[in-house]
Amino acid sequence: MRKILNEELGRISVDEFRKQEKLNVIIVLDNIRSAHNAGSVFRTADAFAVRAIHCCGITAVPPNRDLLKASLGSQDSIEWKYFQTTMDSIMELKREGFKIIGVEQIDKSISLSSFQFNKNDSVAFVFGNEVHGVSNEILNELDAAIEIPQFGTKHSFNVSISAGIILWDYFAKTQSV
């Protein structure tokens, strides 16, 4: 066994990335307080070729230094938009026909292992604040809520880890590669 060299990975340029087909997914960051978390989500969004990220409220946006450090340049490839409030983002997405799916532990959440995605749907995944989760006002706007199964004592993933798990599951269930 040997590690694959960077030259062998088949990386594409930012311009090629912008032209390629994207997952019909938008990530909504609902008042994420850590710029490192936001930057990590940018990087994961790039890896899965997500259409865009909506940064809402206190969520850091480029050129925040900590976001740039974690994003490793993906802020240049991923389309992103800032919204003063998460509700502004959600209302725009609803007008555009997106299904709004919160990633949150609530009484009506469905286990990710059981949740079925329709690859023809435009989907917006809402990830909430590290302490308070998805805003209460946004919970009322969700079309569905997903909960990631957890079996330890904490029942809490870092928001960037949650984004990776959700995007991988969505990709695995909707794409035939």
N, C-alpha and C. Protein backbone atom coordinates (compact mmCIF):
# COMPACT_ATOMS: atom_id res chain seq x y z
N MET A 1 0.83 -1.19 0.00
CA MET A 1 0.00 0.00 0.00
C MET A 1 0.87 1.24 0.00
N ARG A 2 0.33 2.28 -0.63
CA ARG A 2 1.00 3.57 -0.63
C ARG A 2 -0.06 4.67 -0.66
N LYS A 3 0.32 5.82 -0.14
CA LYS A 3 -0.57 6.97 -0.20
C LYS A 3 -0.63 7.47 -1.64
N ILE A 4 -1.80 7.95 -2.01
CA ILE A 4 -1.97 8.52 -3.34
C ILE A 4 -1.43 9.95 -3.31
N LEU A 5 -0.66 10.29 -4.32
CA LEU A 5 -0.09 11.64 -4.43
C LEU A 5 -1.18 12.63 -4.84
N ASN A 6 -1.00 13.88 -4.43
CA ASN A 6 -1.95 14.93 -4.80
C ASN A 6 -2.21 14.96 -6.31
N GLU A 7 -1.17 14.76 -7.10
CA GLU A 7 -1.30 14.80 -8.56
C GLU A 7 -2.19 13.68 -9.08
N GLU A 8 -2.34 12.62 -8.31
CA GLU A 8 -3.13 11.46 -8.74
C GLU A 8 -4.60 11.55 -8.34
N LEU A 9 -4.96 12.56 -7.58
CA LEU A 9 -6.33 12.65 -7.05
C LEU A 9 -7.35 13.13 -8.06
N GLY A 10 -6.92 13.69 -9.16
CA GLY A 10 -7.86 14.18 -10.16
C GLY A 10 -8.59 15.44 -9.73
N ARG A 11 -7.91 16.26 -8.96
CA ARG A 11 -8.53 17.51 -8.51
C ARG A 11 -8.82 18.41 -9.69
N ILE A 12 -9.93 19.11 -9.58
CA ILE A 12 -10.30 20.06 -10.63
C ILE A 12 -10.03 21.48 -10.15
N SER A 13 -10.00 22.39 -11.08
CA SER A 13 -9.76 23.80 -10.73
C SER A 13 -11.06 24.41 -10.20
N VAL A 14 -10.94 25.57 -9.58
CA VAL A 14 -12.12 26.30 -9.09
C VAL A 14 -13.05 26.61 -10.26
N ASP A 15 -12.49 27.02 -11.41
CA ASP A 15 -13.32 27.31 -12.57
C ASP A 15 -14.07 26.06 -13.05
N GLU A 16 -13.38 24.92 -13.09
CA GLU A 16 -14.04 23.67 -13.49
C GLU A 16 -15.13 23.30 -12.48
N PHE A 17 -14.84 23.50 -11.20
CA PHE A 17 -15.83 23.19 -10.15
C PHE A 17 -17.08 24.04 -10.34
N ARG A 18 -16.91 25.31 -10.62
CA ARG A 18 -18.06 26.21 -10.78
C ARG A 18 -18.94 25.78 -11.95
N LYS A 19 -18.36 25.15 -12.97
CA LYS A 19 -19.11 24.73 -14.16
C LYS A 19 -19.74 23.36 -14.01
N GLN A 20 -19.26 22.55 -13.08
CA GLN A 20 -19.76 21.18 -12.98
C GLN A 20 -21.15 21.14 -12.35
N GLU A 21 -21.84 20.05 -12.59
CA GLU A 21 -23.16 19.85 -11.99
C GLU A 21 -23.01 19.72 -10.48
N LYS A 22 -23.93 20.30 -9.74
CA LYS A 22 -23.89 20.29 -8.28
C LYS A 22 -25.06 19.47 -7.73
N LEU A 23 -24.89 19.02 -6.49
CA LEU A 23 -26.03 18.45 -5.78
C LEU A 23 -27.07 19.55 -5.63
N ASN A 24 -28.32 19.20 -5.71
CA ASN A 24 -29.39 20.19 -5.58
C ASN A 24 -29.64 20.45 -4.10
N VAL A 25 -28.59 20.87 -3.41
CA VAL A 25 -28.59 21.04 -1.96
C VAL A 25 -28.01 22.40 -1.60
N ILE A 26 -28.69 23.05 -0.66
CA ILE A 26 -28.15 24.27 -0.05
C ILE A 26 -28.05 24.02 1.45
N ILE A 27 -26.94 24.43 2.02
CA ILE A 27 -26.73 24.32 3.46
C ILE A 27 -27.06 25.67 4.08
N VAL A 28 -27.88 25.66 5.13
CA VAL A 28 -28.22 26.87 5.87
C VAL A 28 -27.56 26.79 7.23
N LEU A 29 -26.69 27.74 7.53
CA LEU A 29 -26.01 27.79 8.81
C LEU A 29 -26.72 28.82 9.69
N ASP A 30 -27.45 28.34 10.66
CA ASP A 30 -28.31 29.14 11.52
C ASP A 30 -27.54 29.62 12.75
N ASN A 31 -26.93 30.80 12.65
CA ASN A 31 -26.23 31.42 13.78
C ASN A 31 -25.13 30.53 14.37
N ILE A 32 -24.27 30.05 13.50
CA ILE A 32 -23.12 29.24 13.94
C ILE A 32 -22.10 30.20 14.55
N ARG A 33 -21.73 29.94 15.80
CA ARG A 33 -20.85 30.90 16.49
C ARG A 33 -19.37 30.69 16.20
N SER A 34 -18.98 29.49 15.78
CA SER A 34 -17.56 29.22 15.52
C SER A 34 -17.24 29.39 14.04
N ALA A 35 -16.33 30.31 13.74
CA ALA A 35 -15.89 30.49 12.36
C ALA A 35 -15.17 29.25 11.85
N HIS A 36 -14.52 28.52 12.76
CA HIS A 36 -13.87 27.26 12.36
C HIS A 36 -14.91 26.26 11.88
N ASN A 37 -16.02 26.16 12.60
CA ASN A 37 -17.10 25.27 12.17
C ASN A 37 -17.64 25.67 10.81
N ALA A 38 -17.89 26.96 10.63
CA ALA A 38 -18.40 27.43 9.35
C ALA A 38 -17.41 27.11 8.23
N GLY A 39 -16.13 27.35 8.45
CA GLY A 39 -15.12 27.04 7.45
C GLY A 39 -15.04 25.57 7.12
N SER A 40 -15.20 24.73 8.14
CA SER A 40 -15.19 23.28 7.91
C SER A 40 -16.39 22.85 7.07
N VAL A 41 -17.53 23.50 7.29
CA VAL A 41 -18.71 23.19 6.49
C VAL A 41 -18.48 23.60 5.03
N PHE A 42 -17.82 24.73 4.80
CA PHE A 42 -17.48 25.13 3.44
C PHE A 42 -16.65 24.03 2.77
N ARG A 43 -15.69 23.53 3.47
CA ARG A 43 -14.80 22.50 2.92
C ARG A 43 -15.57 21.22 2.59
N THR A 44 -16.46 20.82 3.48
CA THR A 44 -17.27 19.63 3.25
C THR A 44 -18.24 19.86 2.09
N ALA A 45 -18.81 21.04 2.01
CA ALA A 45 -19.72 21.37 0.91
C ALA A 45 -19.00 21.27 -0.43
N ASP A 46 -17.77 21.72 -0.47
CA ASP A 46 -16.96 21.60 -1.68
C ASP A 46 -16.75 20.12 -2.03
N ALA A 47 -16.43 19.31 -1.04
CA ALA A 47 -16.16 17.89 -1.29
C ALA A 47 -17.35 17.18 -1.92
N PHE A 48 -18.57 17.58 -1.55
CA PHE A 48 -19.77 16.94 -2.09
C PHE A 48 -20.42 17.75 -3.21
N ALA A 49 -19.77 18.81 -3.65
CA ALA A 49 -20.29 19.66 -4.74
C ALA A 49 -21.71 20.14 -4.45
N VAL A 50 -21.88 20.72 -3.27
CA VAL A 50 -23.15 21.32 -2.87
C VAL A 50 -23.33 22.62 -3.64
N ARG A 51 -24.58 22.96 -3.95
CA ARG A 51 -24.86 24.15 -4.74
C ARG A 51 -24.45 25.43 -4.04
N ALA A 52 -24.78 25.57 -2.73
CA ALA A 52 -24.48 26.83 -2.05
C ALA A 52 -24.61 26.68 -0.54
N ILE A 53 -24.10 27.69 0.15
CA ILE A 53 -24.24 27.81 1.61
C ILE A 53 -24.88 29.16 1.90
N HIS A 54 -25.85 29.15 2.82
CA HIS A 54 -26.42 30.39 3.33
C HIS A 54 -25.90 30.59 4.75
N CYS A 55 -25.16 31.66 4.95
CA CYS A 55 -24.64 32.00 6.27
C CYS A 55 -25.60 33.02 6.89
N CYS A 56 -26.13 32.69 8.06
CA CYS A 56 -27.19 33.52 8.64
C CYS A 56 -26.81 34.04 10.03
N GLY A 57 -27.27 35.26 10.30
CA GLY A 57 -27.09 35.84 11.63
C GLY A 57 -25.63 36.04 11.97
N ILE A 58 -25.19 35.44 13.09
CA ILE A 58 -23.82 35.62 13.58
C ILE A 58 -22.80 34.71 12.89
N THR A 59 -23.25 33.87 11.95
CA THR A 59 -22.33 32.97 11.25
C THR A 59 -21.29 33.79 10.50
N ALA A 60 -20.03 33.43 10.67
CA ALA A 60 -18.92 34.11 9.98
C ALA A 60 -19.03 33.91 8.48
N VAL A 61 -18.52 34.89 7.75
CA VAL A 61 -18.45 34.80 6.30
C VAL A 61 -17.03 35.21 5.86
N PRO A 62 -16.63 34.78 4.66
CA PRO A 62 -15.34 35.24 4.16
C PRO A 62 -15.33 36.76 4.10
N PRO A 63 -14.23 37.41 4.43
CA PRO A 63 -12.89 36.88 4.62
C PRO A 63 -12.49 36.66 6.09
N ASN A 64 -13.41 36.23 6.93
CA ASN A 64 -13.06 35.96 8.33
C ASN A 64 -11.85 35.02 8.36
N ARG A 65 -10.84 35.42 9.12
CA ARG A 65 -9.56 34.70 9.15
C ARG A 65 -9.71 33.24 9.59
N ASP A 66 -10.49 32.99 10.64
CA ASP A 66 -10.65 31.62 11.14
C ASP A 66 -11.45 30.76 10.16
N LEU A 67 -12.43 31.35 9.50
CA LEU A 67 -13.18 30.62 8.48
C LEU A 67 -12.25 30.24 7.34
N LEU A 68 -11.44 31.19 6.88
CA LEU A 68 -10.52 30.91 5.77
C LEU A 68 -9.52 29.83 6.13
N LYS A 69 -9.06 29.83 7.37
CA LYS A 69 -8.10 28.83 7.83
C LYS A 69 -8.69 27.42 7.73
N ALA A 70 -9.94 27.27 8.13
CA ALA A 70 -10.58 25.95 8.12
C ALA A 70 -11.08 25.56 6.73
N SER A 71 -11.44 26.52 5.91
CA SER A 71 -12.05 26.22 4.61
C SER A 71 -11.03 25.81 3.55
N LEU A 72 -9.78 26.12 3.77
CA LEU A 72 -8.69 25.77 2.84
C LEU A 72 -8.97 26.20 1.41
N GLY A 73 -9.56 27.37 1.24
CA GLY A 73 -9.80 27.90 -0.10
C GLY A 73 -11.16 27.56 -0.69
N SER A 74 -11.93 26.70 -0.03
CA SER A 74 -13.23 26.31 -0.57
C SER A 74 -14.23 27.46 -0.59
N GLN A 75 -13.94 28.53 0.14
CA GLN A 75 -14.81 29.71 0.08
C GLN A 75 -14.81 30.31 -1.32
N ASP A 76 -13.79 29.98 -2.12
CA ASP A 76 -13.73 30.48 -3.49
C ASP A 76 -14.49 29.60 -4.47
N SER A 77 -14.70 28.34 -4.12
CA SER A 77 -15.39 27.43 -5.04
C SER A 77 -16.88 27.33 -4.73
N ILE A 78 -17.24 27.39 -3.47
CA ILE A 78 -18.64 27.25 -3.07
C ILE A 78 -19.34 28.61 -3.14
N GLU A 79 -20.48 28.61 -3.81
CA GLU A 79 -21.30 29.82 -3.82
C GLU A 79 -21.86 30.01 -2.41
N TRP A 80 -21.84 31.23 -1.91
CA TRP A 80 -22.39 31.49 -0.59
C TRP A 80 -23.08 32.84 -0.58
N LYS A 81 -23.97 32.98 0.40
CA LYS A 81 -24.74 34.21 0.52
C LYS A 81 -24.97 34.47 2.00
N TYR A 82 -24.94 35.73 2.40
CA TYR A 82 -25.21 36.09 3.79
C TYR A 82 -26.64 36.61 3.93
N PHE A 83 -27.30 36.18 5.02
CA PHE A 83 -28.64 36.65 5.37
C PHE A 83 -28.60 37.19 6.80
N GLN A 84 -29.22 38.33 7.00
CA GLN A 84 -29.28 38.93 8.34
C GLN A 84 -29.96 37.97 9.33
N THR A 85 -31.00 37.28 8.86
CA THR A 85 -31.70 36.31 9.71
C THR A 85 -31.85 35.00 8.96
N THR A 86 -31.95 33.93 9.71
CA THR A 86 -32.17 32.62 9.10
C THR A 86 -33.53 32.58 8.43
N MET A 87 -34.51 33.26 9.01
CA MET A 87 -35.84 33.28 8.41
C MET A 87 -35.81 33.88 7.00
N ASP A 88 -34.97 34.90 6.78
CA ASP A 88 -34.85 35.47 5.44
C ASP A 88 -34.37 34.42 4.44
N SER A 89 -33.40 33.61 4.85
CA SER A 89 -32.91 32.53 4.00
C SER A 89 -34.01 31.51 3.73
N ILE A 90 -34.69 31.08 4.78
CA ILE A 90 -35.74 30.05 4.65
C ILE A 90 -36.86 30.54 3.73
N MET A 91 -37.28 31.78 3.88
CA MET A 91 -38.36 32.31 3.03
C MET A 91 -37.93 32.34 1.57
N GLU A 92 -36.68 32.71 1.30
CA GLU A 92 -36.19 32.70 -0.08
C GLU A 92 -36.17 31.28 -0.63
N LEU A 93 -35.69 30.34 0.17
CA LEU A 93 -35.62 28.95 -0.27
C LEU A 93 -37.00 28.37 -0.52
N LYS A 94 -37.95 28.69 0.32
CA LYS A 94 -39.33 28.21 0.12
C LYS A 94 -39.91 28.77 -1.18
N ARG A 95 -39.66 30.04 -1.45
CA ARG A 95 -40.14 30.64 -2.71
C ARG A 95 -39.54 29.93 -3.91
N GLU A 96 -38.31 29.42 -3.76
CA GLU A 96 -37.63 28.71 -4.85
C GLU A 96 -37.98 27.22 -4.89
N GLY A 97 -38.86 26.77 -3.99
CA GLY A 97 -39.33 25.39 -4.02
C GLY A 97 -38.47 24.38 -3.28
N PHE A 98 -37.61 24.84 -2.39
CA PHE A 98 -36.77 23.93 -1.63
C PHE A 98 -37.54 23.25 -0.51
N LYS A 99 -37.23 22.00 -0.27
CA LYS A 99 -37.72 21.28 0.90
C LYS A 99 -36.76 21.62 2.04
N ILE A 100 -37.29 22.10 3.15
CA ILE A 100 -36.46 22.56 4.27
C ILE A 100 -36.37 21.44 5.30
N ILE A 101 -35.14 20.95 5.51
CA ILE A 101 -34.92 19.83 6.43
C ILE A 101 -33.96 20.28 7.53
N GLY A 102 -34.44 20.28 8.75
CA GLY A 102 -33.61 20.63 9.88
C GLY A 102 -32.85 19.42 10.39
N VAL A 103 -31.66 19.65 10.86
CA VAL A 103 -30.87 18.60 11.51
C VAL A 103 -30.91 18.93 12.98
N GLU A 104 -31.81 18.23 13.70
CA GLU A 104 -32.09 18.61 15.08
C GLU A 104 -32.78 17.47 15.82
N GLN A 105 -32.53 17.41 17.11
CA GLN A 105 -33.19 16.43 17.97
C GLN A 105 -34.48 17.05 18.50
N ILE A 106 -35.59 16.71 17.84
CA ILE A 106 -36.89 17.21 18.27
C ILE A 106 -37.88 16.05 18.31
N ASP A 107 -39.05 16.30 18.86
CA ASP A 107 -40.04 15.22 19.02
C ASP A 107 -40.50 14.64 17.69
N LYS A 108 -40.39 15.36 16.61
CA LYS A 108 -40.86 14.88 15.31
C LYS A 108 -39.72 14.50 14.37
N SER A 109 -38.50 14.43 14.88
CA SER A 109 -37.38 14.09 14.00
C SER A 109 -37.43 12.62 13.61
N ILE A 110 -36.87 12.37 12.44
CA ILE A 110 -36.78 11.01 11.89
C ILE A 110 -35.31 10.62 11.91
N SER A 111 -35.04 9.40 12.31
CA SER A 111 -33.66 8.92 12.32
C SER A 111 -33.09 8.97 10.91
N LEU A 112 -31.88 9.47 10.79
CA LEU A 112 -31.22 9.55 9.49
C LEU A 112 -31.19 8.18 8.81
N SER A 113 -31.02 7.12 9.58
CA SER A 113 -30.96 5.78 8.99
C SER A 113 -32.27 5.39 8.31
N SER A 114 -33.38 5.99 8.73
CA SER A 114 -34.69 5.68 8.16
C SER A 114 -35.15 6.70 7.12
N PHE A 115 -34.53 7.85 7.12
CA PHE A 115 -35.00 8.94 6.25
C PHE A 115 -34.69 8.64 4.79
N GLN A 116 -35.67 8.83 3.94
CA GLN A 116 -35.48 8.63 2.50
C GLN A 116 -35.53 9.97 1.79
N PHE A 117 -34.54 10.22 0.97
CA PHE A 117 -34.45 11.44 0.19
C PHE A 117 -34.99 11.17 -1.22
N ASN A 118 -35.57 12.19 -1.81
CA ASN A 118 -35.96 12.13 -3.21
C ASN A 118 -34.94 12.96 -3.98
N LYS A 119 -34.18 12.31 -4.83
CA LYS A 119 -33.10 13.02 -5.54
C LYS A 119 -33.60 14.13 -6.45
N ASN A 120 -34.90 14.14 -6.75
CA ASN A 120 -35.47 15.19 -7.59
C ASN A 120 -35.87 16.44 -6.80
N ASP A 121 -35.88 16.33 -5.46
CA ASP A 121 -36.21 17.48 -4.62
C ASP A 121 -35.03 18.43 -4.51
N SER A 122 -35.33 19.70 -4.45
CA SER A 122 -34.34 20.69 -4.04
C SER A 122 -34.37 20.70 -2.52
N VAL A 123 -33.23 20.50 -1.89
CA VAL A 123 -33.18 20.32 -0.44
C VAL A 123 -32.29 21.37 0.21
N ALA A 124 -32.78 21.92 1.32
CA ALA A 124 -31.96 22.81 2.14
C ALA A 124 -31.85 22.17 3.52
N PHE A 125 -30.62 21.91 3.94
CA PHE A 125 -30.36 21.36 5.26
C PHE A 125 -30.02 22.52 6.20
N VAL A 126 -30.74 22.60 7.31
CA VAL A 126 -30.52 23.66 8.29
C VAL A 126 -29.74 23.09 9.47
N PHE A 127 -28.58 23.68 9.73
CA PHE A 127 -27.74 23.29 10.87
C PHE A 127 -27.74 24.44 11.86
N GLY A 128 -28.02 24.13 13.12
CA GLY A 128 -28.21 25.16 14.13
C GLY A 128 -26.98 25.48 14.95
N ASN A 129 -27.14 26.50 15.76
CA ASN A 129 -26.13 27.00 16.68
C ASN A 129 -25.60 25.87 17.57
N GLU A 130 -24.32 25.94 17.88
CA GLU A 130 -23.66 24.89 18.64
C GLU A 130 -24.25 24.69 20.04
N VAL A 131 -24.84 25.69 20.62
CA VAL A 131 -25.42 25.58 21.97
C VAL A 131 -26.93 25.40 21.91
N HIS A 132 -27.61 26.22 21.11
CA HIS A 132 -29.07 26.27 21.12
C HIS A 132 -29.72 25.48 19.99
N GLY A 133 -28.95 25.00 19.04
CA GLY A 133 -29.51 24.24 17.93
C GLY A 133 -30.23 25.13 16.94
N VAL A 134 -31.09 24.51 16.14
CA VAL A 134 -31.89 25.25 15.17
C VAL A 134 -32.86 26.15 15.93
N SER A 135 -32.95 27.41 15.50
CA SER A 135 -33.82 28.39 16.16
C SER A 135 -35.26 27.88 16.24
N ASN A 136 -35.93 28.16 17.36
CA ASN A 136 -37.32 27.74 17.54
C ASN A 136 -38.23 28.24 16.43
N GLU A 137 -38.03 29.49 15.98
CA GLU A 137 -38.89 30.02 14.92
C GLU A 137 -38.69 29.26 13.62
N ILE A 138 -37.50 28.73 13.40
CA ILE A 138 -37.22 27.98 12.18
C ILE A 138 -37.82 26.57 12.25
N LEU A 139 -37.90 26.00 13.45
CA LEU A 139 -38.50 24.66 13.59
C LEU A 139 -39.90 24.62 12.99
N ASN A 140 -40.65 25.70 13.14
CA ASN A 140 -42.02 25.76 12.61
C ASN A 140 -42.06 25.82 11.09
N GLU A 141 -40.94 26.12 10.46
CA GLU A 141 -40.87 26.24 9.00
C GLU A 141 -40.35 24.98 8.32
N LEU A 142 -39.93 23.99 9.11
CA LEU A 142 -39.33 22.78 8.54
C LEU A 142 -40.37 21.89 7.87
N ASP A 143 -39.96 21.28 6.77
CA ASP A 143 -40.77 20.24 6.14
C ASP A 143 -40.49 18.89 6.78
N ALA A 144 -39.31 18.75 7.35
CA ALA A 144 -38.92 17.52 8.04
C ALA A 144 -37.72 17.84 8.93
N ALA A 145 -37.48 16.95 9.89
CA ALA A 145 -36.30 17.06 10.75
C ALA A 145 -35.62 15.69 10.80
N ILE A 146 -34.32 15.73 10.71
CA ILE A 146 -33.50 14.52 10.75
C ILE A 146 -32.68 14.53 12.03
N GLU A 147 -32.59 13.37 12.64
CA GLU A 147 -31.74 13.20 13.82
C GLU A 147 -30.70 12.12 13.50
N ILE A 148 -29.46 12.41 13.78
CA ILE A 148 -28.39 11.44 13.56
C ILE A 148 -28.36 10.49 14.75
N PRO A 149 -28.49 9.18 14.52
CA PRO A 149 -28.44 8.24 15.64
C PRO A 149 -27.12 8.34 16.40
N GLN A 150 -27.22 8.34 17.72
CA GLN A 150 -26.04 8.42 18.58
C GLN A 150 -26.23 7.46 19.76
N PHE A 151 -25.14 6.88 20.22
CA PHE A 151 -25.25 5.81 21.20
C PHE A 151 -24.40 6.02 22.45
N GLY A 152 -23.73 7.17 22.55
CA GLY A 152 -22.89 7.45 23.70
C GLY A 152 -23.60 8.28 24.74
N THR A 153 -22.84 8.96 25.55
CA THR A 153 -23.41 9.75 26.65
C THR A 153 -23.71 11.18 26.28
N LYS A 154 -23.15 11.70 25.21
CA LYS A 154 -23.27 13.12 24.89
C LYS A 154 -24.45 13.46 23.98
N HIS A 155 -24.76 12.61 23.02
CA HIS A 155 -25.82 12.90 22.04
C HIS A 155 -25.67 14.28 21.44
N SER A 156 -24.43 14.56 21.02
CA SER A 156 -24.14 15.86 20.45
C SER A 156 -22.92 15.73 19.53
N PHE A 157 -23.11 16.07 18.26
CA PHE A 157 -21.99 16.14 17.33
C PHE A 157 -21.64 17.60 17.09
N ASN A 158 -20.39 17.86 16.77
CA ASN A 158 -19.99 19.17 16.29
C ASN A 158 -20.75 19.43 15.00
N VAL A 159 -21.15 20.67 14.75
CA VAL A 159 -21.96 21.01 13.58
C VAL A 159 -21.25 20.62 12.29
N SER A 160 -19.95 20.76 12.23
CA SER A 160 -19.25 20.39 11.00
C SER A 160 -19.24 18.88 10.79
N ILE A 161 -19.20 18.12 11.87
CA ILE A 161 -19.29 16.66 11.77
C ILE A 161 -20.69 16.27 11.30
N SER A 162 -21.70 16.92 11.88
CA SER A 162 -23.09 16.65 11.46
C SER A 162 -23.26 16.92 9.97
N ALA A 163 -22.70 18.01 9.49
CA ALA A 163 -22.82 18.33 8.06
C ALA A 163 -22.19 17.23 7.21
N GLY A 164 -21.04 16.74 7.62
CA GLY A 164 -20.39 15.66 6.87
C GLY A 164 -21.22 14.39 6.85
N ILE A 165 -21.78 14.03 7.98
CA ILE A 165 -22.60 12.82 8.07
C ILE A 165 -23.84 12.96 7.19
N ILE A 166 -24.54 14.08 7.31
CA ILE A 166 -25.77 14.30 6.54
C ILE A 166 -25.48 14.31 5.05
N LEU A 167 -24.45 15.05 4.63
CA LEU A 167 -24.14 15.12 3.20
C LEU A 167 -23.71 13.78 2.64
N TRP A 168 -22.93 13.02 3.40
CA TRP A 168 -22.55 11.70 2.92
C TRP A 168 -23.78 10.81 2.76
N ASP A 169 -24.67 10.82 3.75
CA ASP A 169 -25.86 9.99 3.68
C ASP A 169 -26.73 10.41 2.49
N TYR A 170 -26.93 11.70 2.31
CA TYR A 170 -27.71 12.20 1.18
C TYR A 170 -27.07 11.73 -0.13
N PHE A 171 -25.78 11.92 -0.25
CA PHE A 171 -25.05 11.53 -1.46
C PHE A 171 -25.19 10.03 -1.70
N ALA A 172 -24.97 9.23 -0.67
CA ALA A 172 -25.02 7.78 -0.82
C ALA A 172 -26.42 7.29 -1.21
N LYS A 173 -27.46 7.96 -0.72
CA LYS A 173 -28.83 7.54 -1.01
C LYS A 173 -29.37 8.06 -2.34
N THR A 174 -28.76 9.11 -2.89
CA THR A 174 -29.33 9.72 -4.10
C THR A 174 -28.44 9.63 -5.34
N GLN A 175 -27.18 9.34 -5.18
CA GLN A 175 -26.27 9.32 -6.33
C GLN A 175 -25.82 7.90 -6.62
N SER A 176 -25.78 7.57 -7.88
CA SER A 176 -25.24 6.26 -8.25
C SER A 176 -23.87 6.48 -8.87
N VAL A 177 -22.86 6.14 -8.10
CA VAL A 177 -21.48 6.35 -8.55
C VAL A 177 -20.80 5.01 -8.72
